[in-house]
PDB file of N, CA and C in Angstrom:
ATOM      1  N   MET A   1      46.499-112.951 -44.301  1.00  0.00           N
ATOM      2  CA  MET A   1      46.783-112.707 -42.879  1.00  0.00           C
ATOM      3  C   MET A   1      47.374-113.981 -42.281  1.00  0.00           C
ATOM      4  N   GLY A   2      48.456-113.857 -41.529  1.00  0.00           N
ATOM      5  CA  GLY A   2      49.157-115.005 -40.957  1.00  0.00           C
ATOM      6  C   GLY A   2      48.528-115.495 -39.671  1.00  0.00           C
ATOM      7  N   ASP A   3      49.047-116.595 -39.210  1.00  0.00           N
ATOM      8  CA  ASP A   3      48.627-117.161 -37.935  1.00  0.00           C
ATOM      9  C   ASP A   3      49.227-116.313 -36.817  1.00  0.00           C
ATOM     10  N   ASP A   4      48.365-115.689 -35.998  1.00  0.00           N
ATOM     11  CA  ASP A   4      48.836-114.785 -34.944  1.00  0.00           C
ATOM     12  C   ASP A   4      49.774-115.476 -33.966  1.00  0.00           C
ATOM     13  N   ARG A   5      49.535-116.760 -33.674  1.00  0.00           N
ATOM     14  CA  ARG A   5      50.405-117.471 -32.738  1.00  0.00           C
ATOM     15  C   ARG A   5      51.818-117.560 -33.302  1.00  0.00           C
ATOM     16  N   ARG A   6      51.932-117.865 -34.577  1.00  0.00           N
ATOM     17  CA  ARG A   6      53.247-117.964 -35.199  1.00  0.00           C
ATOM     18  C   ARG A   6      53.882-116.584 -35.286  1.00  0.00           C
ATOM     19  N   ASP A   7      53.090-115.593 -35.656  1.00  0.00           N
ATOM     20  CA  ASP A   7      53.605-114.237 -35.811  1.00  0.00           C
ATOM     21  C   ASP A   7      54.132-113.677 -34.495  1.00  0.00           C
ATOM     22  N   LEU A   8      53.552-114.074 -33.379  1.00  0.00           N
ATOM     23  CA  LEU A   8      53.969-113.564 -32.073  1.00  0.00           C
ATOM     24  C   LEU A   8      55.000-114.462 -31.400  1.00  0.00           C
ATOM     25  N   GLY A   9      55.397-115.530 -32.064  1.00  0.00           N
ATOM     26  CA  GLY A   9      56.403-116.417 -31.512  1.00  0.00           C
ATOM     27  C   GLY A   9      55.863-117.447 -30.531  1.00  0.00           C
ATOM     28  N   TYR A  10      54.544-117.597 -30.440  1.00  0.00           N
ATOM     29  CA  TYR A  10      53.979-118.593 -29.534  1.00  0.00           C
ATOM     30  C   TYR A  10      54.232-119.989 -30.065  1.00  0.00           C
ATOM     31  N   LYS A  11      54.475-120.918 -29.159  1.00  0.00           N
ATOM     32  CA  LYS A  11      54.559-122.318 -29.551  1.00  0.00           C
ATOM     33  C   LYS A  11      53.146-122.771 -29.898  1.00  0.00           C
ATOM     34  N   GLN A  12      53.037-123.541 -30.919  1.00  0.00           N
ATOM     35  CA  GLN A  12      51.715-124.005 -31.330  1.00  0.00           C
ATOM     36  C   GLN A  12      51.357-125.276 -30.574  1.00  0.00           C
ATOM     37  N   GLN A  13      50.989-125.098 -29.322  1.00  0.00           N
ATOM     38  CA  GLN A  13      50.598-126.211 -28.473  1.00  0.00           C
ATOM     39  C   GLN A  13      49.204-125.946 -27.946  1.00  0.00           C
ATOM     40  N   THR A  14      48.475-127.012 -27.729  1.00  0.00           N
ATOM     41  CA  THR A  14      47.151-126.853 -27.156  1.00  0.00           C
ATOM     42  C   THR A  14      47.275-126.655 -25.653  1.00  0.00           C
ATOM     43  N   MET A  15      46.244-126.095 -25.055  1.00  0.00           N
ATOM     44  CA  MET A  15      46.220-125.924 -23.599  1.00  0.00           C
ATOM     45  C   MET A  15      46.082-127.294 -22.959  1.00  0.00           C
ATOM     46  N   PRO A  16      46.850-127.553 -21.893  1.00  0.00           N
ATOM     47  CA  PRO A  16      46.746-128.875 -21.252  1.00  0.00           C
ATOM     48  C   PRO A  16      45.361-129.051 -20.630  1.00  0.00           C
ATOM     49  N   PRO A  17      44.909-130.295 -20.487  1.00  0.00           N
ATOM     50  CA  PRO A  17      43.616-130.526 -19.843  1.00  0.00           C
ATOM     51  C   PRO A  17      43.655-130.079 -18.389  1.00  0.00           C
ATOM     52  N   SER A  18      42.492-129.785 -17.848  1.00  0.00           N
ATOM     53  CA  SER A  18      42.432-129.278 -16.474  1.00  0.00           C
ATOM     54  C   SER A  18      43.065-130.250 -15.489  1.00  0.00           C
ATOM     55  N   GLY A  19      43.017-131.533 -15.755  1.00  0.00           N
ATOM     56  CA  GLY A  19      43.627-132.514 -14.866  1.00  0.00           C
ATOM     57  C   GLY A  19      45.125-132.310 -14.712  1.00  0.00           C
ATOM     58  N   ALA A  20      45.766-131.812 -15.748  1.00  0.00           N
ATOM     59  CA  ALA A  20      47.206-131.574 -15.685  1.00  0.00           C
ATOM     60  C   ALA A  20      47.533-130.473 -14.677  1.00  0.00           C
ATOM     61  N   VAL A  21      46.647-129.514 -14.545  1.00  0.00           N
ATOM     62  CA  VAL A  21      46.850-128.425 -13.586  1.00  0.00           C
ATOM     63  C   VAL A  21      46.813-128.969 -12.167  1.00  0.00           C
ATOM     64  N   TRP A  22      45.849-129.818 -11.873  1.00  0.00           N
ATOM     65  CA  TRP A  22      45.709-130.360 -10.524  1.00  0.00           C
ATOM     66  C   TRP A  22      46.974-131.087 -10.088  1.00  0.00           C
ATOM     67  N   ALA A  23      47.609-131.781 -11.005  1.00  0.00           N
ATOM     68  CA  ALA A  23      48.815-132.543 -10.662  1.00  0.00           C
ATOM     69  C   ALA A  23      49.951-131.633 -10.211  1.00  0.00           C
ATOM     70  N   HIS A  24      50.017-130.425 -10.733  1.00  0.00           N
ATOM     71  CA  HIS A  24      51.117-129.517 -10.409  1.00  0.00           C
ATOM     72  C   HIS A  24      50.832-128.617  -9.199  1.00  0.00           C
ATOM     73  N   ILE A  25      49.597-128.504  -8.796  1.00  0.00           N
ATOM     74  CA  ILE A  25      49.244-127.661  -7.649  1.00  0.00           C
ATOM     75  C   ILE A  25      49.950-128.160  -6.386  1.00  0.00           C
ATOM     76  N   GLN A  26      50.058-129.470  -6.234  1.00  0.00           N
ATOM     77  CA  GLN A  26      50.704-130.050  -5.049  1.00  0.00           C
ATOM     78  C   GLN A  26      52.147-129.593  -4.898  1.00  0.00           C
ATOM     79  N   ALA A  27      52.803-129.297  -6.009  1.00  0.00           N
ATOM     80  CA  ALA A  27      54.224-128.933  -5.976  1.00  0.00           C
ATOM     81  C   ALA A  27      54.459-127.471  -5.610  1.00  0.00           C
ATOM     82  N   LEU A  28      53.425-126.662  -5.586  1.00  0.00           N
ATOM     83  CA  LEU A  28      53.591-125.245  -5.265  1.00  0.00           C
ATOM     84  C   LEU A  28      53.977-125.080  -3.800  1.00  0.00           C
ATOM     85  N   THR A  29      54.946-124.229  -3.548  1.00  0.00           N
ATOM     86  CA  THR A  29      55.365-124.000  -2.163  1.00  0.00           C
ATOM     87  C   THR A  29      54.436-123.025  -1.449  1.00  0.00           C
ATOM     88  N   ILE A  30      53.784-122.144  -2.180  1.00  0.00           N
ATOM     89  CA  ILE A  30      52.782-121.247  -1.604  1.00  0.00           C
ATOM     90  C   ILE A  30      51.525-121.325  -2.455  1.00  0.00           C
ATOM     91  N   ARG A  31      50.393-121.341  -1.789  1.00  0.00           N
ATOM     92  CA  ARG A  31      49.105-121.383  -2.487  1.00  0.00           C
ATOM     93  C   ARG A  31      48.092-120.571  -1.680  1.00  0.00           C
ATOM     94  N   MET A  32      47.073-120.153  -2.380  1.00  0.00           N
ATOM     95  CA  MET A  32      45.959-119.499  -1.714  1.00  0.00           C
ATOM     96  C   MET A  32      45.231-120.548  -0.868  1.00  0.00           C
ATOM     97  N   ASN A  33      44.614-120.133   0.217  1.00  0.00           N
ATOM     98  CA  ASN A  33      43.880-121.077   1.060  1.00  0.00           C
ATOM     99  C   ASN A  33      42.752-121.767   0.305  1.00  0.00           C
ATOM    100  N   ASP A  34      42.128-121.035  -0.609  1.00  0.00           N
ATOM    101  CA  ASP A  34      40.994-121.589  -1.356  1.00  0.00           C
ATOM    102  C   ASP A  34      41.350-121.881  -2.822  1.00  0.00           C
ATOM    103  N   MET A  35      42.617-122.196  -3.064  1.00  0.00           N
ATOM    104  CA  MET A  35      43.090-122.414  -4.435  1.00  0.00           C
ATOM    105  C   MET A  35      42.322-123.529  -5.136  1.00  0.00           C
ATOM    106  N   TYR A  36      42.097-124.657  -4.462  1.00  0.00           N
ATOM    107  CA  TYR A  36      41.401-125.785  -5.087  1.00  0.00           C
ATOM    108  C   TYR A  36      39.979-125.397  -5.483  1.00  0.00           C
ATOM    109  N   GLU A  37      39.303-124.717  -4.597  1.00  0.00           N
ATOM    110  CA  GLU A  37      37.929-124.288  -4.892  1.00  0.00           C
ATOM    111  C   GLU A  37      37.914-123.312  -6.064  1.00  0.00           C
ATOM    112  N   LEU A  38      38.841-122.361  -6.059  1.00  0.00           N
ATOM    113  CA  LEU A  38      38.886-121.377  -7.141  1.00  0.00           C
ATOM    114  C   LEU A  38      39.205-122.025  -8.484  1.00  0.00           C
ATOM    115  N   LEU A  39      40.173-122.935  -8.499  1.00  0.00           N
ATOM    116  CA  LEU A  39      40.506-123.613  -9.755  1.00  0.00           C
ATOM    117  C   LEU A  39      39.348-124.489 -10.226  1.00  0.00           C
ATOM    118  N   ASN A  40      38.689-125.134  -9.300  1.00  0.00           N
ATOM    119  CA  ASN A  40      37.509-125.920  -9.659  1.00  0.00           C
ATOM    120  C   ASN A  40      36.462-125.015 -10.314  1.00  0.00           C
ATOM    121  N   ASN A  41      36.284-123.819  -9.759  1.00  0.00           N
ATOM    122  CA  ASN A  41      35.343-122.860 -10.335  1.00  0.00           C
ATOM    123  C   ASN A  41      35.787-122.406 -11.727  1.00  0.00           C
ATOM    124  N   VAL A  42      37.090-122.198 -11.907  1.00  0.00           N
ATOM    125  CA  VAL A  42      37.611-121.758 -13.203  1.00  0.00           C
ATOM    126  C   VAL A  42      37.309-122.802 -14.276  1.00  0.00           C
ATOM    127  N   PHE A  43      37.455-124.065 -13.941  1.00  0.00           N
ATOM    128  CA  PHE A  43      37.266-125.122 -14.936  1.00  0.00           C
ATOM    129  C   PHE A  43      35.819-125.587 -15.064  1.00  0.00           C
ATOM    130  N   LEU A  44      35.044-125.490 -13.990  1.00  0.00           N
ATOM    131  CA  LEU A  44      33.718-126.097 -14.010  1.00  0.00           C
ATOM    132  C   LEU A  44      32.556-125.145 -13.738  1.00  0.00           C
ATOM    133  N   GLY A  45      32.851-123.920 -13.309  1.00  0.00           N
ATOM    134  CA  GLY A  45      31.782-122.992 -12.955  1.00  0.00           C
ATOM    135  C   GLY A  45      31.116-122.372 -14.171  1.00  0.00           C
ATOM    136  N   ASN A  46      30.011-121.674 -13.902  1.00  0.00           N
ATOM    137  CA  ASN A  46      29.389-120.926 -14.994  1.00  0.00           C
ATOM    138  C   ASN A  46      30.253-119.721 -15.331  1.00  0.00           C
ATOM    139  N   THR A  47      29.922-119.021 -16.357  1.00  0.00           N
ATOM    140  CA  THR A  47      30.778-117.942 -16.850  1.00  0.00           C
ATOM    141  C   THR A  47      31.076-116.898 -15.786  1.00  0.00           C
ATOM    142  N   THR A  48      30.082-116.476 -15.054  1.00  0.00           N
ATOM    143  CA  THR A  48      30.273-115.449 -14.020  1.00  0.00           C
ATOM    144  C   THR A  48      31.226-115.943 -12.931  1.00  0.00           C
ATOM    145  N   VAL A  49      31.053-117.171 -12.498  1.00  0.00           N
ATOM    146  CA  VAL A  49      31.895-117.750 -11.450  1.00  0.00           C
ATOM    147  C   VAL A  49      33.310-117.950 -11.973  1.00  0.00           C
ATOM    148  N   ARG A  50      33.443-118.396 -13.225  1.00  0.00           N
ATOM    149  CA  ARG A  50      34.778-118.576 -13.817  1.00  0.00           C
ATOM    150  C   ARG A  50      35.552-117.268 -13.825  1.00  0.00           C
ATOM    151  N   ILE A  51      34.906-116.223 -14.278  1.00  0.00           N
ATOM    152  CA  ILE A  51      35.572-114.916 -14.369  1.00  0.00           C
ATOM    153  C   ILE A  51      35.970-114.418 -12.989  1.00  0.00           C
ATOM    154  N   ALA A  52      35.066-114.483 -12.031  1.00  0.00           N
ATOM    155  CA  ALA A  52      35.360-114.001 -10.674  1.00  0.00           C
ATOM    156  C   ALA A  52      36.502-114.802 -10.047  1.00  0.00           C
ATOM    157  N   SER A  53      36.494-116.100 -10.243  1.00  0.00           N
ATOM    158  CA  SER A  53      37.543-116.945  -9.669  1.00  0.00           C
ATOM    159  C   SER A  53      38.886-116.673 -10.331  1.00  0.00           C
ATOM    160  N   PHE A  54      38.899-116.564 -11.650  1.00  0.00           N
ATOM    161  CA  PHE A  54      40.144-116.280 -12.359  1.00  0.00           C
ATOM    162  C   PHE A  54      40.697-114.919 -11.955  1.00  0.00           C
ATOM    163  N   LYS A  55      39.812-113.946 -11.773  1.00  0.00           N
ATOM    164  CA  LYS A  55      40.237-112.606 -11.357  1.00  0.00           C
ATOM    165  C   LYS A  55      40.905-112.659  -9.981  1.00  0.00           C
ATOM    166  N   LYS A  56      40.311-113.403  -9.062  1.00  0.00           N
ATOM    167  CA  LYS A  56      40.874-113.506  -7.713  1.00  0.00           C
ATOM    168  C   LYS A  56      42.246-114.181  -7.752  1.00  0.00           C
ATOM    169  N   ILE A  57      42.376-115.260  -8.526  1.00  0.00           N
ATOM    170  CA  ILE A  57      43.664-115.947  -8.653  1.00  0.00           C
ATOM    171  C   ILE A  57      44.700-115.018  -9.280  1.00  0.00           C
ATOM    172  N   SER A  58      44.315-114.329 -10.337  1.00  0.00           N
ATOM    173  CA  SER A  58      45.233-113.419 -11.037  1.00  0.00           C
ATOM    174  C   SER A  58      45.724-112.304 -10.128  1.00  0.00           C
ATOM    175  N   GLU A  59      44.818-111.707  -9.369  1.00  0.00           N
ATOM    176  CA  GLU A  59      45.199-110.623  -8.449  1.00  0.00           C
ATOM    177  C   GLU A  59      46.160-111.133  -7.385  1.00  0.00           C
ATOM    178  N   TRP A  60      45.931-112.347  -6.887  1.00  0.00           N
ATOM    179  CA  TRP A  60      46.824-112.931  -5.893  1.00  0.00           C
ATOM    180  C   TRP A  60      48.214-113.153  -6.486  1.00  0.00           C
ATOM    181  N   ILE A  61      48.271-113.690  -7.703  1.00  0.00           N
ATOM    182  CA  ILE A  61      49.562-113.930  -8.368  1.00  0.00           C
ATOM    183  C   ILE A  61      50.310-112.625  -8.587  1.00  0.00           C
ATOM    184  N   ILE A  62      49.606-111.624  -9.071  1.00  0.00           N
ATOM    185  CA  ILE A  62      50.243-110.324  -9.316  1.00  0.00           C
ATOM    186  C   ILE A  62      50.799-109.741  -8.011  1.00  0.00           C
ATOM    187  N   ALA A  63      50.030-109.828  -6.943  1.00  0.00           N
ATOM    188  CA  ALA A  63      50.500-109.320  -5.647  1.00  0.00           C
ATOM    189  C   ALA A  63      51.754-110.058  -5.195  1.00  0.00           C
ATOM    190  N   LYS A  64      51.794-111.375  -5.388  1.00  0.00           N
ATOM    191  CA  LYS A  64      52.974-112.158  -5.010  1.00  0.00           C
ATOM    192  C   LYS A  64      54.188-111.795  -5.861  1.00  0.00           C
ATOM    193  N   LEU A  65      53.976-111.540  -7.147  1.00  0.00           N
ATOM    194  CA  LEU A  65      55.073-111.167  -8.033  1.00  0.00           C
ATOM    195  C   LEU A  65      55.640-109.787  -7.684  1.00  0.00           C
ATOM    196  N   GLU A  66      54.809-108.911  -7.124  1.00  0.00           N
ATOM    197  CA  GLU A  66      55.263-107.559  -6.782  1.00  0.00           C
ATOM    198  C   GLU A  66      56.007-107.526  -5.453  1.00  0.00           C
ATOM    199  N   GLN A  67      55.924-108.584  -4.673  1.00  0.00           N
ATOM    200  CA  GLN A  67      56.613-108.626  -3.367  1.00  0.00           C
ATOM    201  C   GLN A  67      58.090-108.777  -3.526  1.00  0.00           C
TER     202      GLN A  67
END
């Protein structure tokens, strides 16, 4: 069985550290009012809080993409 990342054409790169995300948030022209809190929860919260925060961010992104 092959490496799924290679088979699907994904670049074999590791996920950037959470600090790298914070540096790019400032450059966004639109953000959620509670984006910093939600991202903090995604990286540092317990499992339940991480999932709920990621879900809220994802739903917001999807809504913006559909506009």
